[in-house]
Protein backbone atom coordinates (compact mmCIF):
# COMPACT_ATOMS: atom_id res chain seq x y z
CA MET A 1 -206.31 33.32 -83.95
CA THR A 2 -206.44 34.47 -87.56
CA ASN A 3 -205.77 32.06 -90.39
CA PRO A 4 -202.06 31.62 -91.69
CA LEU A 5 -201.87 32.70 -95.25
CA PRO A 6 -201.09 30.21 -98.04
CA PRO A 7 -197.83 29.24 -98.69
CA LEU A 8 -195.49 30.85 -101.03
CA ALA A 9 -194.53 29.43 -104.66
CA LEU A 10 -190.88 29.46 -105.23
CA THR A 11 -190.13 29.00 -109.12
CA MET A 12 -187.28 26.49 -109.78
CA GLY A 13 -185.52 29.30 -112.64
CA GLU A 14 -183.11 27.74 -114.42
CA PRO A 15 -182.60 24.52 -113.64
CA ALA A 16 -178.65 24.79 -114.08
CA GLY A 17 -178.13 27.32 -112.13
CA ILE A 18 -178.11 27.66 -108.48
CA GLY A 19 -182.05 28.34 -107.71
CA GLY A 20 -182.24 24.55 -106.75
CA ASP A 21 -178.95 24.40 -104.12
CA ILE A 22 -179.90 27.51 -102.61
CA ALA A 23 -183.47 26.55 -102.29
CA LEU A 24 -182.65 22.99 -100.62
CA ALA A 25 -180.24 25.35 -98.71
CA ALA A 26 -182.72 27.64 -97.19
CA TRP A 27 -185.36 24.57 -96.70
CA THR A 28 -182.69 23.00 -94.34
CA ARG A 29 -182.81 26.46 -92.53
CA ARG A 30 -186.78 26.70 -91.95
CA ALA A 31 -186.27 27.18 -88.31
CA GLU A 32 -184.96 30.37 -88.96
CA GLY A 33 -188.77 31.89 -89.33
CA ILE A 34 -188.51 31.29 -93.38
CA PRO A 35 -192.02 31.13 -94.26
CA PRO A 36 -193.92 28.03 -95.80
CA PHE A 37 -193.07 27.77 -99.72
CA VAL A 38 -194.17 25.17 -102.35
CA MET A 39 -191.27 24.71 -104.85
CA LEU A 40 -192.84 24.35 -108.78
CA ASP A 41 -189.90 22.15 -110.30
CA SER A 42 -188.54 18.40 -111.01
CA PRO A 43 -188.34 16.59 -107.86
CA GLU A 44 -186.50 13.79 -109.35
CA ARG A 45 -183.82 16.76 -109.97
CA LEU A 46 -184.14 18.05 -106.48
CA THR A 47 -183.66 14.26 -104.84
CA LYS A 48 -180.36 13.90 -107.41
CA LEU A 49 -179.46 17.55 -106.25
CA ALA A 50 -179.87 16.94 -102.21
CA THR A 51 -177.58 14.11 -102.57
CA ARG A 52 -175.30 15.53 -104.62
CA LEU A 53 -175.02 18.49 -102.16
CA GLY A 54 -175.39 15.96 -98.81
CA LEU A 55 -178.18 17.58 -97.85
CA ALA A 56 -181.35 15.46 -96.02
CA VAL A 57 -183.94 16.67 -97.38
CA PRO A 58 -187.10 14.77 -98.06
CA VAL A 59 -188.72 15.99 -101.14
CA ARG A 60 -192.59 15.08 -101.96
CA ILE A 61 -194.79 16.06 -104.48
CA VAL A 62 -197.91 17.54 -103.49
CA SER A 63 -201.05 18.10 -105.12
CA SER A 64 -202.12 21.93 -104.01
CA PRO A 65 -200.45 24.79 -102.05
CA ALA A 66 -202.61 23.96 -99.48
CA GLU A 67 -201.05 21.05 -98.94
CA ALA A 68 -197.53 22.04 -98.73
CA LEU A 69 -198.69 24.03 -96.02
CA GLU A 70 -199.19 21.26 -93.82
CA LEU A 71 -196.22 19.36 -94.47
CA PHE A 72 -193.91 22.08 -94.94
CA HIS A 73 -191.81 21.67 -91.86
CA GLN A 74 -191.26 18.03 -92.26
CA VAL A 75 -190.93 17.68 -95.76
CA LEU A 76 -189.96 20.37 -99.23
CA PRO A 77 -193.24 20.07 -100.96
CA VAL A 78 -193.06 20.28 -104.64
CA LEU A 79 -195.53 20.98 -107.39
CA PRO A 80 -194.03 18.79 -110.51
CA VAL A 81 -192.74 20.32 -113.33
CA ALA A 82 -191.53 17.80 -116.09
CA LEU A 83 -188.20 19.11 -117.72
CA PRO A 84 -187.71 17.39 -121.11
CA HIS A 85 -184.06 17.61 -121.29
CA PRO A 86 -181.25 16.33 -118.80
CA VAL A 87 -180.24 18.67 -116.41
CA GLU A 88 -176.64 19.06 -115.48
CA PRO A 89 -175.30 21.54 -112.48
CA GLY A 90 -173.50 24.48 -114.69
CA PHE A 91 -174.26 23.56 -117.66
CA PRO A 92 -177.61 25.01 -119.14
CA HIS A 93 -179.45 24.29 -121.93
CA SER A 94 -182.56 25.96 -124.02
CA GLY A 95 -184.66 22.89 -124.32
CA ASN A 96 -185.78 23.79 -120.64
CA ALA A 97 -186.76 26.90 -121.53
CA VAL A 98 -190.74 26.15 -122.15
CA ALA A 99 -190.80 24.53 -118.81
CA VAL A 100 -189.24 27.22 -116.86
CA ALA A 101 -191.43 29.93 -118.15
CA GLY A 102 -194.10 27.53 -117.76
CA ALA A 103 -193.18 27.39 -113.93
CA ILE A 104 -193.51 31.25 -113.56
CA GLU A 105 -196.58 30.92 -115.06
CA ARG A 106 -198.26 28.60 -113.24
CA ALA A 107 -196.94 30.43 -110.24
CA VAL A 108 -198.66 33.44 -111.24
CA LYS A 109 -201.75 31.74 -112.00
CA LEU A 110 -201.91 30.33 -108.37
CA ALA A 111 -201.42 33.72 -107.07
CA LEU A 112 -204.41 35.31 -108.74
CA ALA A 113 -206.73 32.49 -107.60
CA GLY A 114 -205.16 33.27 -103.91
CA GLU A 115 -203.68 29.56 -103.64
CA VAL A 116 -200.17 31.16 -103.06
CA SER A 117 -199.77 34.29 -100.86
CA GLY A 118 -196.95 35.23 -103.49
CA VAL A 119 -194.39 34.17 -105.63
CA VAL A 120 -190.59 34.15 -105.37
CA THR A 121 -189.12 33.36 -108.00
CA ASN A 122 -185.15 31.83 -108.71
CA PRO A 123 -182.72 33.39 -111.63
CA ILE A 124 -183.50 32.68 -114.88
CA HIS A 125 -180.78 33.14 -117.46
CA LYS A 126 -182.09 35.42 -120.49
CA LYS A 127 -179.65 34.37 -123.18
CA VAL A 128 -181.06 30.91 -122.81
CA MET A 129 -184.45 31.72 -122.64
CA TYR A 130 -184.42 33.61 -125.70
CA GLN A 131 -182.88 30.81 -127.54
CA GLY A 132 -185.54 28.55 -125.90
CA GLY A 133 -188.47 30.86 -127.32
CA PHE A 134 -189.07 33.16 -124.83
CA ARG A 135 -189.44 36.59 -125.53
CA PHE A 136 -189.09 38.81 -122.61
CA PRO A 137 -186.38 41.28 -121.63
CA GLY A 138 -186.78 39.52 -118.00
CA HIS A 139 -188.72 38.34 -115.06
CA THR A 140 -190.47 41.69 -114.30
CA GLU A 141 -191.78 41.99 -118.06
CA PHE A 142 -193.08 38.65 -118.18
CA LEU A 143 -194.49 39.16 -114.57
CA ALA A 144 -196.25 41.97 -116.24
CA ALA A 145 -197.88 40.12 -118.77
CA LEU A 146 -199.23 37.69 -116.93
CA ALA A 147 -200.57 39.96 -113.99
CA ALA A 148 -202.09 43.17 -115.81
CA PRO A 149 -200.68 45.63 -113.33
CA GLN A 150 -202.35 48.10 -111.61
CA GLY A 151 -202.28 51.71 -112.57
CA GLY A 152 -201.12 50.46 -115.97
CA ARG A 153 -197.09 49.96 -114.75
CA GLU A 154 -194.85 47.04 -113.50
CA VAL A 155 -192.02 49.09 -111.80
CA MET A 156 -188.96 46.99 -110.22
CA MET A 157 -187.94 47.83 -106.96
CA LEU A 158 -184.63 46.19 -105.30
CA THR A 159 -184.02 46.69 -101.62
CA CYS A 160 -181.32 45.62 -98.98
CA PRO A 161 -181.56 46.59 -95.06
CA GLY A 162 -181.29 49.99 -95.13
CA LEU A 163 -181.87 50.96 -98.19
CA ARG A 164 -184.68 50.52 -100.98
CA VAL A 165 -183.72 51.62 -105.02
CA VAL A 166 -186.17 51.95 -108.06
CA PRO A 167 -185.03 52.77 -111.16
CA VAL A 168 -186.96 54.75 -114.13
CA SER A 169 -185.38 52.33 -116.87
CA ILE A 170 -184.74 48.63 -116.15
CA HIS A 171 -183.66 45.94 -119.07
CA ILE A 172 -182.14 48.56 -122.02
CA SER A 173 -178.97 49.86 -122.81
CA LEU A 174 -177.38 53.59 -120.96
CA ALA A 175 -178.26 55.57 -124.21
CA GLN A 176 -181.57 54.14 -124.39
CA ALA A 177 -181.95 54.79 -121.22
CA VAL A 178 -181.16 58.60 -121.36
CA ALA A 179 -182.67 58.75 -124.75
CA THR A 180 -186.24 57.42 -123.13
CA LEU A 181 -186.19 59.54 -119.83
CA SER A 182 -189.04 61.51 -119.83
CA THR A 183 -191.35 63.33 -116.93
CA GLU A 184 -193.83 61.30 -117.49
CA ALA A 185 -192.09 58.15 -116.74
CA ILE A 186 -190.26 59.40 -113.37
CA VAL A 187 -193.54 60.67 -112.53
CA ALA A 188 -195.37 57.14 -113.07
CA VAL A 189 -192.85 55.04 -111.33
CA ALA A 190 -192.33 57.58 -108.38
CA THR A 191 -195.89 57.46 -108.02
CA VAL A 192 -196.61 53.25 -108.38
CA THR A 193 -193.38 53.54 -105.53
CA ALA A 194 -195.49 55.64 -103.24
CA ARG A 195 -198.27 53.47 -103.20
CA ALA A 196 -196.18 50.37 -102.99
CA LEU A 197 -194.24 51.69 -99.41
CA THR A 198 -197.66 52.18 -97.86
CA ARG A 199 -199.74 49.00 -99.58
CA ASP A 200 -196.58 46.68 -99.00
CA PHE A 201 -194.29 47.86 -96.73
CA GLY A 202 -196.53 49.67 -94.02
CA ILE A 203 -195.02 53.15 -94.38
CA THR A 204 -198.02 55.60 -93.83
CA ALA A 205 -196.05 58.99 -95.15
CA PRO A 206 -193.31 57.63 -97.57
CA ARG A 207 -190.40 59.93 -98.32
CA LEU A 208 -188.77 59.59 -101.71
CA ALA A 209 -185.84 60.76 -102.82
CA VAL A 210 -185.23 61.79 -107.00
CA ALA A 211 -181.80 61.10 -108.39
CA GLY A 212 -180.77 63.59 -110.94
CA LEU A 213 -179.47 62.35 -114.11
CA ASN A 214 -175.73 64.12 -114.71
CA PRO A 215 -172.86 64.50 -112.29
CA HIS A 216 -173.95 66.71 -109.46
CA ALA A 217 -177.61 67.13 -110.63
CA GLY A 218 -176.33 68.97 -113.59
CA GLU A 219 -174.88 71.88 -111.49
CA GLY A 220 -177.55 74.43 -112.78
CA GLY A 221 -177.45 72.92 -116.75
CA THR A 222 -173.47 73.03 -116.72
CA MET A 223 -173.70 69.86 -117.24
CA GLY A 224 -176.73 69.06 -118.75
CA ARG A 225 -179.85 70.06 -119.18
CA GLU A 226 -181.94 67.02 -118.32
CA ASP A 227 -182.33 67.57 -114.43
CA ILE A 228 -183.44 71.15 -115.47
CA ASP A 229 -185.85 70.17 -118.05
CA ILE A 230 -187.39 66.62 -117.18
CA VAL A 231 -186.22 65.44 -113.67
CA ALA A 232 -187.21 68.66 -111.61
CA PRO A 233 -190.68 69.17 -113.33
CA ALA A 234 -191.07 65.24 -112.35
CA VAL A 235 -190.57 66.15 -109.24
CA GLU A 236 -192.74 69.30 -108.58
CA ARG A 237 -195.76 67.42 -110.48
CA LEU A 238 -194.95 64.60 -107.55
CA ARG A 239 -195.78 67.53 -104.98
CA GLN A 240 -198.47 68.81 -106.41
CA VAL A 241 -200.48 65.39 -106.07
CA GLY A 242 -199.04 65.50 -102.87
CA ILE A 243 -196.08 62.88 -102.70
CA ASP A 244 -192.94 63.63 -100.44
CA ALA A 245 -190.72 63.75 -103.40
CA ILE A 246 -187.42 65.84 -103.23
CA GLY A 247 -185.05 66.15 -105.98
CA PRO A 248 -182.94 65.80 -108.06
CA LEU A 249 -180.62 65.19 -105.81
CA PRO A 250 -176.95 64.25 -106.79
CA ALA A 251 -176.69 60.68 -106.99
CA ASP A 252 -172.69 60.76 -105.53
CA THR A 253 -174.14 61.94 -102.33
CA LEU A 254 -177.01 60.08 -102.30
CA PHE A 255 -176.36 56.59 -100.50
CA HIS A 256 -174.35 57.05 -97.75
CA GLU A 257 -175.58 56.53 -94.45
CA ARG A 258 -176.27 59.88 -92.91
CA ALA A 259 -178.02 60.65 -96.36
CA ARG A 260 -180.19 57.39 -96.45
CA ARG A 261 -181.77 58.50 -93.33
CA GLY A 262 -183.64 60.67 -95.10
CA TYR A 263 -185.89 59.02 -97.65
CA ASP A 264 -187.70 55.71 -97.36
CA ALA A 265 -186.68 55.14 -101.28
CA VAL A 266 -184.20 56.49 -103.97
CA ILE A 267 -186.18 56.73 -107.74
CA CYS A 268 -183.34 56.52 -109.87
CA MET A 269 -182.92 57.40 -113.94
CA TYR A 270 -181.49 54.15 -114.82
CA HIS A 271 -180.35 50.65 -113.82
CA ASP A 272 -176.98 50.96 -112.44
CA GLN A 273 -177.27 54.18 -110.96
CA ALA A 274 -179.66 52.16 -108.58
CA LEU A 275 -178.74 48.59 -108.50
CA ILE A 276 -174.26 49.92 -107.69
CA PRO A 277 -175.02 51.46 -104.25
CA LEU A 278 -177.51 48.26 -103.76
CA LYS A 279 -175.33 45.23 -104.37
CA THR A 280 -172.50 47.69 -102.39
CA ILE A 281 -174.28 47.81 -99.34
CA GLY A 282 -176.41 44.75 -99.37
CA PHE A 283 -175.01 42.11 -101.82
CA ASP A 284 -175.70 38.70 -100.16
CA ARG A 285 -179.09 40.30 -98.56
CA GLY A 286 -180.57 42.20 -102.23
CA VAL A 287 -184.29 41.35 -102.47
CA ASN A 288 -185.92 42.48 -106.09
CA VAL A 289 -189.42 43.26 -105.44
CA THR A 290 -192.36 44.35 -108.56
CA LEU A 291 -194.10 46.81 -107.39
CA GLY A 292 -197.72 47.26 -109.09
CA LEU A 293 -198.74 44.00 -109.63
CA PRO A 294 -201.92 42.60 -108.12
CA VAL A 295 -199.72 39.66 -106.68
CA VAL A 296 -196.89 39.50 -104.48
CA ARG A 297 -193.50 38.79 -106.52
CA THR A 298 -189.67 39.56 -104.77
CA SER A 299 -186.74 37.08 -105.89
CA PRO A 300 -183.25 37.16 -104.94
CA ASP A 301 -180.91 39.65 -106.13
CA HIS A 302 -178.65 37.80 -108.21
CA GLY A 303 -178.12 35.77 -111.35
CA THR A 304 -177.85 31.85 -111.97
CA ALA A 305 -173.87 31.53 -111.46
CA PHE A 306 -173.63 28.83 -112.94
CA ASP A 307 -169.45 28.21 -111.07
CA LEU A 308 -171.37 27.54 -108.53
CA ALA A 309 -174.19 25.47 -109.11
CA GLY A 310 -173.53 21.82 -107.77
CA SER A 311 -170.95 22.86 -105.42
CA GLY A 312 -172.89 23.56 -102.64
CA ARG A 313 -170.70 27.03 -102.10
CA ALA A 314 -173.69 29.22 -102.91
CA GLY A 315 -175.36 30.98 -100.17
CA ALA A 316 -178.54 30.88 -99.75
CA ASP A 317 -179.11 34.38 -97.63
CA SER A 318 -180.65 36.57 -100.70
CA LEU A 319 -183.07 33.88 -101.28
CA ILE A 320 -184.45 33.71 -97.65
CA ALA A 321 -184.24 37.86 -97.63
CA ALA A 322 -186.55 37.54 -100.63
CA LEU A 323 -189.02 34.96 -99.18
CA LYS A 324 -189.05 36.57 -96.06
CA SER A 325 -189.84 40.12 -97.85
CA ALA A 326 -192.89 38.80 -99.82
CA ALA A 327 -194.57 37.18 -96.89
CA GLU A 328 -194.00 40.60 -95.25
CA ILE A 329 -195.33 41.94 -97.90
CA ALA A 330 -198.29 39.53 -98.43
CA ALA A 331 -199.28 39.80 -94.51
CA ASN A 332 -199.28 43.97 -95.49
CA ARG A 333 -201.32 43.34 -98.49
CA ALA A 334 -203.85 40.84 -96.44
CA ARG A 335 -203.98 43.82 -93.12
CA LEU A 336 -205.22 46.15 -95.23
CA ASN A 337 -207.25 44.15 -97.70
CA VAL A 338 -206.37 44.97 -100.69
């Protein structure tokens, strides 16, 4: 009998958001095959929140992830995080930003040490984090600083049942995304993606579709030359190194059901080109996966939802999908011994 993998680490995210709500709700659904996890959070906050939500969730402080694995089905195990400012659902305070970032950093260190099998991050609020001194555009970039990417680049993938998308650029303006798009960037992102599809998702011969930047992929240069001068050379370079890639393909016909049967992931040229179809097709089941890191990291594909915090109306499906996805990726890596 194989030994079970260590539990996942689940970070609290923005404490005034819905992270606590959905974590508590997910634990109550643990009979649905949810992998064991240990929370990095304030146990006092979680206990108070469970009472507010009317959820019978016994919260237990643990000293290690190994202890959490033993107790998960009886209690919600928590590695305690001290929050310097009182938490009121829906009303964030930048005074807690350092603690929020510290929980993420500790989770990554646990993963690097092999004490947890992966990291699942609840949503943070970037503006509040910036006000508290955080200097990274988002989770993805912070995680890359904590755990150096393999191959020198971290990549953001969004998944839902039936679709995986990867934007070449992430948290920059559309103008910047177009101005900085390069053949080299597309090749780098696609290479990390192809490797991850095998290592993390168990796809032995991954197929990539590469979206065009312009309407109709530029239509032969009549709507811009970027697809001819930048995207097409990237696709050719990928093919030369043995990666099964096609494109540039018009984005407006790339995401319908029949088209999705022809690839395992789409390389998109900018943030919204990737996220609009993903959230349209699988809004409640979207998962953010950071590719290229030595640690497994996923997160629910939604924000802090301050308007829902503490109300009991926040759905936990995306978080549950993120937990299950992290466990599956960890199992694939363990099977391949990578």
